Amino acid sequence: MEPVSYTTDVVMVDGTAIRTTVTSSGAAVENFLHEIRKNQRHLLVGIDTEWRVVFDTDGHRSYRTAVLQLCVGRRCLVFQICHADYVPEAALRDFFACPDHRFAGVSVDGDAKRLFEDYVMAIASTVELKNVAAEVLQQPDLKKAGLKALTREVMGVHIDKPKRVTMSKWDEPRLSPEQVDYACIDAFTSYEVGRLLLSGQFAGDAAPAATIPSPSVPSAVVHAY
């Protein structure tokens, strides 16, 4: 089967357009990584994964990575890794292991754990957005927040996360438009929430100016592997 590969614009409710590559092509992933790393050393990357259910011969259920999403700025990758013609392991491992790259997400350590278990890819530096938001905005309850709540709190934007899409079959050979939008927006908002928090540019008056940190990640919320 020929790999799926196309580029589309995913548009959020506030009009933000995210140029998104949807692919099961290893070559397209390598091209994406080259594009976003070009002339940039330090990167903040929004990351998320979607999973599929796998049953072993004894009927035991487990979960494996079906889709990997990465986003830098308004450029996003939705990689159907479970259908890849090949997984560019060397390029991805180098990208994840680079000490100048920080990977931001909600429950991001779970994504990192799954990628390591499924593909032996270790992420050197993760940024847990729940912890960053709680610290920067001085709202401890945000440690329990999901991405939808963090996006509303930090960006001032509502995102829809319908359960029917969350629980849909992410190992379909061709993702539906709803799945593509969902996957892209998860990665983009992970990037943008992280960027705004770390630079002190979040929406509204969620925190007094004195609590806004420098753009560096607070040491309490960076995890290195």
C-alpha atoms as a PDB file:
ATOM      1  CA  MET A   1       0.000   0.000   0.000  1.00  0.00           C
ATOM      2  CA  GLU A   2       1.288   3.425  -0.940  1.00  0.00           C
ATOM      3  CA  PRO A   3       1.813   5.740   2.039  1.00  0.00           C
ATOM      4  CA  VAL A   4      -0.674   8.520   2.685  1.00  0.00           C
ATOM      5  CA  SER A   5       0.851  11.984   2.449  1.00  0.00           C
ATOM      6  CA  TYR A   6      -0.796  15.351   2.016  1.00  0.00           C
ATOM      7  CA  THR A   7      -0.730  18.864   3.459  1.00  0.00           C
ATOM      8  CA  THR A   8      -3.780  20.788   4.591  1.00  0.00           C
ATOM      9  CA  ASP A   9      -4.663  23.878   6.606  1.00  0.00           C
ATOM     10  CA  VAL A  10      -6.449  23.219   9.893  1.00  0.00           C
ATOM     11  CA  VAL A  11      -8.293  26.349  11.025  1.00  0.00           C
ATOM     12  CA  MET A  12      -9.196  26.963  14.678  1.00  0.00           C
ATOM     13  CA  VAL A  13     -12.306  28.799  15.836  1.00  0.00           C
ATOM     14  CA  ASP A  14     -10.296  31.999  16.309  1.00  0.00           C
ATOM     15  CA  GLY A  15      -9.134  31.872  12.675  1.00  0.00           C
ATOM     16  CA  THR A  16      -5.630  30.551  13.361  1.00  0.00           C
ATOM     17  CA  ALA A  17      -4.519  28.390  10.423  1.00  0.00           C
ATOM     18  CA  ILE A  18      -2.053  25.569  11.056  1.00  0.00           C
ATOM     19  CA  ARG A  19      -0.246  24.122   8.046  1.00  0.00           C
ATOM     20  CA  THR A  20      -0.437  20.393   8.654  1.00  0.00           C
ATOM     21  CA  THR A  21       1.288  17.449   7.010  1.00  0.00           C
ATOM     22  CA  VAL A  22      -0.678  14.219   7.415  1.00  0.00           C
ATOM     23  CA  THR A  23       1.426  11.243   6.432  1.00  0.00           C
ATOM     24  CA  SER A  24       2.421   7.613   6.776  1.00  0.00           C
ATOM     25  CA  SER A  25       5.581   8.286   4.747  1.00  0.00           C
ATOM     26  CA  GLY A  26       8.914   8.088   6.526  1.00  0.00           C
ATOM     27  CA  ALA A  27      10.457  10.386   3.918  1.00  0.00           C
ATOM     28  CA  ALA A  28       7.795  13.041   4.592  1.00  0.00           C
ATOM     29  CA  VAL A  29       8.631  12.896   8.309  1.00  0.00           C
ATOM     30  CA  GLU A  30      12.331  13.393   7.582  1.00  0.00           C
ATOM     31  CA  ASN A  31      11.471  16.368   5.363  1.00  0.00           C
ATOM     32  CA  PHE A  32       9.290  17.875   8.108  1.00  0.00           C
ATOM     33  CA  LEU A  33      12.042  17.533  10.710  1.00  0.00           C
ATOM     34  CA  HIS A  34      14.557  19.123   8.348  1.00  0.00           C
ATOM     35  CA  GLU A  35      12.148  21.994   7.658  1.00  0.00           C
ATOM     36  CA  ILE A  36      11.443  22.891  11.289  1.00  0.00           C
ATOM     37  CA  ARG A  37      15.072  22.507  12.389  1.00  0.00           C
ATOM     38  CA  LYS A  38      16.440  24.630   9.561  1.00  0.00           C
ATOM     39  CA  ASN A  39      18.256  27.673  10.946  1.00  0.00           C
ATOM     40  CA  GLN A  40      16.836  26.993  14.423  1.00  0.00           C
ATOM     41  CA  ARG A  41      18.775  25.487  17.276  1.00  0.00           C
ATOM     42  CA  HIS A  42      16.483  25.920  20.265  1.00  0.00           C
ATOM     43  CA  LEU A  43      12.984  24.565  19.724  1.00  0.00           C
ATOM     44  CA  LEU A  44       9.843  24.268  21.780  1.00  0.00           C
ATOM     45  CA  VAL A  45       7.764  21.458  20.287  1.00  0.00           C
ATOM     46  CA  GLY A  46       4.137  20.638  21.004  1.00  0.00           C
ATOM     47  CA  ILE A  47       3.738  16.871  21.197  1.00  0.00           C
ATOM     48  CA  ASP A  48       0.885  14.415  21.539  1.00  0.00           C
ATOM     49  CA  THR A  49       0.119  10.821  20.606  1.00  0.00           C
ATOM     50  CA  GLU A  50      -3.018   8.873  19.823  1.00  0.00           C
ATOM     51  CA  TRP A  51      -3.166   5.178  20.546  1.00  0.00           C
ATOM     52  CA  ARG A  52      -4.660   1.944  19.295  1.00  0.00           C
ATOM     53  CA  VAL A  53      -5.744  -1.144  21.212  1.00  0.00           C
ATOM     54  CA  VAL A  54      -3.740  -4.329  20.629  1.00  0.00           C
ATOM     55  CA  PHE A  55      -4.656  -7.807  21.883  1.00  0.00           C
ATOM     56  CA  ASP A  56      -2.052 -10.524  22.376  1.00  0.00           C
ATOM     57  CA  THR A  57      -2.617 -14.251  21.788  1.00  0.00           C
ATOM     58  CA  ASP A  58      -4.001 -14.630  25.323  1.00  0.00           C
ATOM     59  CA  GLY A  59      -6.522 -11.859  24.790  1.00  0.00           C
ATOM     60  CA  HIS A  60      -4.715  -9.364  26.997  1.00  0.00           C
ATOM     61  CA  ARG A  61      -5.237  -5.764  25.938  1.00  0.00           C
ATOM     62  CA  SER A  62      -2.469  -3.198  25.568  1.00  0.00           C
ATOM     63  CA  TYR A  63      -2.062   0.176  23.897  1.00  0.00           C
ATOM     64  CA  ARG A  64       0.387   1.144  21.203  1.00  0.00           C
ATOM     65  CA  THR A  65       1.155   4.417  19.468  1.00  0.00           C
ATOM     66  CA  ALA A  66      -0.973   4.872  16.357  1.00  0.00           C
ATOM     67  CA  VAL A  67      -0.379   8.558  15.580  1.00  0.00           C
ATOM     68  CA  LEU A  68       2.437  10.911  16.575  1.00  0.00           C
ATOM     69  CA  GLN A  69       1.792  14.652  16.440  1.00  0.00           C
ATOM     70  CA  LEU A  70       4.484  17.330  16.519  1.00  0.00           C
ATOM     71  CA  CYS A  71       4.034  21.087  16.171  1.00  0.00           C
ATOM     72  CA  VAL A  72       6.380  24.071  16.001  1.00  0.00           C
ATOM     73  CA  GLY A  73       4.747  27.430  15.411  1.00  0.00           C
ATOM     74  CA  ARG A  74       1.967  27.024  12.869  1.00  0.00           C
ATOM     75  CA  ARG A  75       3.565  23.966  11.311  1.00  0.00           C
ATOM     76  CA  CYS A  76       2.280  20.572  12.369  1.00  0.00           C
ATOM     77  CA  LEU A  77       2.987  16.913  11.604  1.00  0.00           C
ATOM     78  CA  VAL A  78       0.396  14.163  12.009  1.00  0.00           C
ATOM     79  CA  PHE A  79       2.393  10.966  11.497  1.00  0.00           C
ATOM     80  CA  GLN A  80       0.391   7.754  11.136  1.00  0.00           C
ATOM     81  CA  ILE A  81       3.271   5.803  12.575  1.00  0.00           C
ATOM     82  CA  CYS A  82       1.381   2.507  12.796  1.00  0.00           C
ATOM     83  CA  HIS A  83       0.945   2.546   8.995  1.00  0.00           C
ATOM     84  CA  ALA A  84       4.362   3.974   8.098  1.00  0.00           C
ATOM     85  CA  ASP A  85       6.147   2.562   5.070  1.00  0.00           C
ATOM     86  CA  TYR A  86       9.151   2.927   7.347  1.00  0.00           C
ATOM     87  CA  VAL A  87       9.786   4.743  10.631  1.00  0.00           C
ATOM     88  CA  PRO A  88      12.751   7.148  10.318  1.00  0.00           C
ATOM     89  CA  GLU A  89      14.108   6.016  13.661  1.00  0.00           C
ATOM     90  CA  ALA A  90      17.524   7.664  13.410  1.00  0.00           C
ATOM     91  CA  ALA A  91      16.059  11.072  12.511  1.00  0.00           C
ATOM     92  CA  LEU A  92      13.378  10.911  15.204  1.00  0.00           C
ATOM     93  CA  ARG A  93      15.753   9.677  17.900  1.00  0.00           C
ATOM     94  CA  ASP A  94      18.174  12.485  17.101  1.00  0.00           C
ATOM     95  CA  PHE A  95      15.319  15.014  17.190  1.00  0.00           C
ATOM     96  CA  PHE A  96      13.971  13.758  20.524  1.00  0.00           C
ATOM     97  CA  ALA A  97      17.408  13.434  22.121  1.00  0.00           C
ATOM     98  CA  CYS A  98      18.617  16.937  21.240  1.00  0.00           C
ATOM     99  CA  PRO A  99      19.196  18.863  24.506  1.00  0.00           C
ATOM    100  CA  ASP A 100      18.124  22.096  22.781  1.00  0.00           C
ATOM    101  CA  HIS A 101      14.619  20.745  22.104  1.00  0.00           C
ATOM    102  CA  ARG A 102      11.861  20.824  24.718  1.00  0.00           C
ATOM    103  CA  PHE A 103       8.669  18.838  24.185  1.00  0.00           C
ATOM    104  CA  ALA A 104       5.517  20.305  25.718  1.00  0.00           C
ATOM    105  CA  GLY A 105       2.237  18.570  26.357  1.00  0.00           C
ATOM    106  CA  VAL A 106      -0.376  17.476  28.865  1.00  0.00           C
ATOM    107  CA  SER A 107       0.578  14.183  30.542  1.00  0.00           C
ATOM    108  CA  VAL A 108       3.604  14.378  28.276  1.00  0.00           C
ATOM    109  CA  ASP A 109       5.583  11.845  30.270  1.00  0.00           C
ATOM    110  CA  GLY A 110       2.960   9.261  29.316  1.00  0.00           C
ATOM    111  CA  ASP A 111       3.552  10.038  25.643  1.00  0.00           C
ATOM    112  CA  ALA A 112       7.297   9.803  26.186  1.00  0.00           C
ATOM    113  CA  LYS A 113       6.927   6.458  27.961  1.00  0.00           C
ATOM    114  CA  ARG A 114       4.788   5.010  25.172  1.00  0.00           C
ATOM    115  CA  LEU A 115       7.197   6.145  22.456  1.00  0.00           C
ATOM    116  CA  PHE A 116      10.078   4.558  24.318  1.00  0.00           C
ATOM    117  CA  GLU A 117       8.216   1.303  24.880  1.00  0.00           C
ATOM    118  CA  ASP A 118       6.964   1.091  21.289  1.00  0.00           C
ATOM    119  CA  TYR A 119       9.946   2.463  19.353  1.00  0.00           C
ATOM    120  CA  VAL A 120      12.838   2.846  21.842  1.00  0.00           C
ATOM    121  CA  MET A 121      12.808   6.618  21.277  1.00  0.00           C
ATOM    122  CA  ALA A 122      13.858   8.612  24.347  1.00  0.00           C
ATOM    123  CA  ILE A 123      12.753  12.234  24.773  1.00  0.00           C
ATOM    124  CA  ALA A 124      15.506  14.170  26.522  1.00  0.00           C
ATOM    125  CA  SER A 125      13.437  17.066  27.896  1.00  0.00           C
ATOM    126  CA  THR A 126       9.690  17.236  28.511  1.00  0.00           C
ATOM    127  CA  VAL A 127       7.599  20.155  29.761  1.00  0.00           C
ATOM    128  CA  GLU A 128       4.427  19.218  31.644  1.00  0.00           C
ATOM    129  CA  LEU A 129       1.990  22.007  30.829  1.00  0.00           C
ATOM    130  CA  LYS A 130      -0.267  21.341  33.824  1.00  0.00           C
ATOM    131  CA  ASN A 131       2.605  21.975  36.199  1.00  0.00           C
ATOM    132  CA  VAL A 132       3.879  25.011  34.294  1.00  0.00           C
ATOM    133  CA  ALA A 133       0.409  26.586  34.267  1.00  0.00           C
ATOM    134  CA  ALA A 134      -0.128  25.937  37.971  1.00  0.00           C
ATOM    135  CA  GLU A 135       3.225  27.524  38.814  1.00  0.00           C
ATOM    136  CA  VAL A 136       3.151  30.482  36.435  1.00  0.00           C
ATOM    137  CA  LEU A 137      -0.507  31.382  36.993  1.00  0.00           C
ATOM    138  CA  GLN A 138      -0.360  30.550  40.707  1.00  0.00           C
ATOM    139  CA  GLN A 139      -3.393  28.289  40.389  1.00  0.00           C
ATOM    140  CA  PRO A 140      -2.592  24.900  41.965  1.00  0.00           C
ATOM    141  CA  ASP A 141      -5.844  23.384  40.674  1.00  0.00           C
ATOM    142  CA  LEU A 142      -4.457  23.593  37.131  1.00  0.00           C
ATOM    143  CA  LYS A 143      -2.256  20.606  37.958  1.00  0.00           C
ATOM    144  CA  LYS A 144      -5.428  18.576  37.377  1.00  0.00           C
ATOM    145  CA  ALA A 145      -6.484  20.408  34.201  1.00  0.00           C
ATOM    146  CA  GLY A 146      -6.712  18.923  30.741  1.00  0.00           C
ATOM    147  CA  LEU A 147      -5.588  20.546  27.507  1.00  0.00           C
ATOM    148  CA  LYS A 148      -9.039  21.999  26.817  1.00  0.00           C
ATOM    149  CA  ALA A 149      -9.080  23.864  30.140  1.00  0.00           C
ATOM    150  CA  LEU A 150      -5.474  25.024  29.771  1.00  0.00           C
ATOM    151  CA  THR A 151      -6.154  26.336  26.262  1.00  0.00           C
ATOM    152  CA  ARG A 152      -9.099  28.351  27.534  1.00  0.00           C
ATOM    153  CA  GLU A 153      -7.143  29.652  30.540  1.00  0.00           C
ATOM    154  CA  VAL A 154      -3.913  30.529  28.734  1.00  0.00           C
ATOM    155  CA  MET A 155      -4.957  31.284  25.143  1.00  0.00           C
ATOM    156  CA  GLY A 156      -8.497  32.484  25.807  1.00  0.00           C
ATOM    157  CA  VAL A 157      -9.682  30.080  23.106  1.00  0.00           C
ATOM    158  CA  HIS A 158     -12.253  27.285  23.299  1.00  0.00           C
ATOM    159  CA  ILE A 159     -11.376  23.996  21.617  1.00  0.00           C
ATOM    160  CA  ASP A 160     -13.824  21.167  21.070  1.00  0.00           C
ATOM    161  CA  LYS A 161     -12.666  17.675  22.044  1.00  0.00           C
ATOM    162  CA  PRO A 162     -15.629  15.402  21.271  1.00  0.00           C
ATOM    163  CA  LYS A 163     -15.369  12.013  22.940  1.00  0.00           C
ATOM    164  CA  ARG A 164     -16.409  10.241  19.746  1.00  0.00           C
ATOM    165  CA  VAL A 165     -13.190  11.512  18.146  1.00  0.00           C
ATOM    166  CA  THR A 166     -11.039  10.946  21.226  1.00  0.00           C
ATOM    167  CA  MET A 167     -12.158   7.305  21.307  1.00  0.00           C
ATOM    168  CA  SER A 168     -12.235   6.787  17.532  1.00  0.00           C
ATOM    169  CA  LYS A 169     -10.114   4.285  15.616  1.00  0.00           C
ATOM    170  CA  TRP A 170      -6.770   6.015  15.274  1.00  0.00           C
ATOM    171  CA  ASP A 171      -5.315   3.103  13.333  1.00  0.00           C
ATOM    172  CA  GLU A 172      -7.546   3.690  10.314  1.00  0.00           C
ATOM    173  CA  PRO A 173      -5.454   3.732   7.110  1.00  0.00           C
ATOM    174  CA  ARG A 174      -6.844   7.180   6.283  1.00  0.00           C
ATOM    175  CA  LEU A 175      -7.807   9.531   9.094  1.00  0.00           C
ATOM    176  CA  SER A 176     -11.093  11.407   8.855  1.00  0.00           C
ATOM    177  CA  PRO A 177     -11.100  15.214   8.590  1.00  0.00           C
ATOM    178  CA  GLU A 178     -12.353  15.338  12.197  1.00  0.00           C
ATOM    179  CA  GLN A 179      -9.452  13.183  13.363  1.00  0.00           C
ATOM    180  CA  VAL A 180      -6.938  15.333  11.488  1.00  0.00           C
ATOM    181  CA  ASP A 181      -8.360  18.519  13.025  1.00  0.00           C
ATOM    182  CA  TYR A 182      -8.355  16.965  16.501  1.00  0.00           C
ATOM    183  CA  ALA A 183      -4.799  15.631  16.220  1.00  0.00           C
ATOM    184  CA  CYS A 184      -3.412  18.870  14.798  1.00  0.00           C
ATOM    185  CA  ILE A 185      -5.137  21.146  17.302  1.00  0.00           C
ATOM    186  CA  ASP A 186      -3.934  19.028  20.231  1.00  0.00           C
ATOM    187  CA  ALA A 187      -0.324  19.435  19.106  1.00  0.00           C
ATOM    188  CA  PHE A 188      -0.681  23.115  18.180  1.00  0.00           C
ATOM    189  CA  THR A 189      -2.327  24.128  21.452  1.00  0.00           C
ATOM    190  CA  SER A 190       0.310  22.158  23.378  1.00  0.00           C
ATOM    191  CA  TYR A 191       2.952  24.239  21.605  1.00  0.00           C
ATOM    192  CA  GLU A 192       1.111  27.543  21.950  1.00  0.00           C
ATOM    193  CA  VAL A 193       0.122  27.101  25.604  1.00  0.00           C
ATOM    194  CA  GLY A 194       3.742  26.271  26.386  1.00  0.00           C
ATOM    195  CA  ARG A 195       5.069  29.218  24.404  1.00  0.00           C
ATOM    196  CA  LEU A 196       2.700  31.707  26.018  1.00  0.00           C
ATOM    197  CA  LEU A 197       3.298  30.462  29.543  1.00  0.00           C
ATOM    198  CA  LEU A 198       7.064  30.401  29.217  1.00  0.00           C
ATOM    199  CA  SER A 199       7.162  33.896  27.730  1.00  0.00           C
ATOM    200  CA  GLY A 200       4.530  35.376  30.079  1.00  0.00           C
ATOM    201  CA  GLN A 201       2.176  36.299  27.227  1.00  0.00           C
ATOM    202  CA  PHE A 202      -0.911  34.373  28.336  1.00  0.00           C
ATOM    203  CA  ALA A 203      -4.427  35.751  27.850  1.00  0.00           C
ATOM    204  CA  GLY A 204      -6.204  37.972  30.333  1.00  0.00           C
ATOM    205  CA  ASP A 205      -5.071  38.861  33.821  1.00  0.00           C
ATOM    206  CA  ALA A 206      -4.584  35.322  35.072  1.00  0.00           C
ATOM    207  CA  ALA A 207      -1.498  36.279  37.068  1.00  0.00           C
ATOM    208  CA  PRO A 208       0.036  39.529  38.305  1.00  0.00           C
ATOM    209  CA  ALA A 209       3.091  40.755  36.465  1.00  0.00           C
ATOM    210  CA  ALA A 210       5.350  39.883  39.389  1.00  0.00           C
ATOM    211  CA  THR A 211       4.632  36.174  38.928  1.00  0.00           C
ATOM    212  CA  ILE A 212       5.555  36.036  35.244  1.00  0.00           C
ATOM    213  CA  PRO A 213       8.814  34.107  34.892  1.00  0.00           C
ATOM    214  CA  SER A 214      11.518  34.452  32.316  1.00  0.00           C
ATOM    215  CA  PRO A 215      11.050  32.397  29.133  1.00  0.00           C
ATOM    216  CA  SER A 216      13.201  29.624  30.587  1.00  0.00           C
ATOM    217  CA  VAL A 217      11.272  26.603  31.834  1.00  0.00           C
ATOM    218  CA  PRO A 218      10.871  26.487  35.640  1.00  0.00           C
ATOM    219  CA  SER A 219      13.200  23.804  36.942  1.00  0.00           C
ATOM    220  CA  ALA A 220      10.383  22.097  38.812  1.00  0.00           C
ATOM    221  CA  VAL A 221       8.554  21.209  35.621  1.00  0.00           C
ATOM    222  CA  VAL A 222      11.278  20.033  33.272  1.00  0.00           C
ATOM    223  CA  HIS A 223      11.932  16.321  33.155  1.00  0.00           C
ATOM    224  CA  ALA A 224      15.091  14.963  31.598  1.00  0.00           C
ATOM    225  CA  TYR A 225      15.568  11.347  30.666  1.00  0.00           C
END
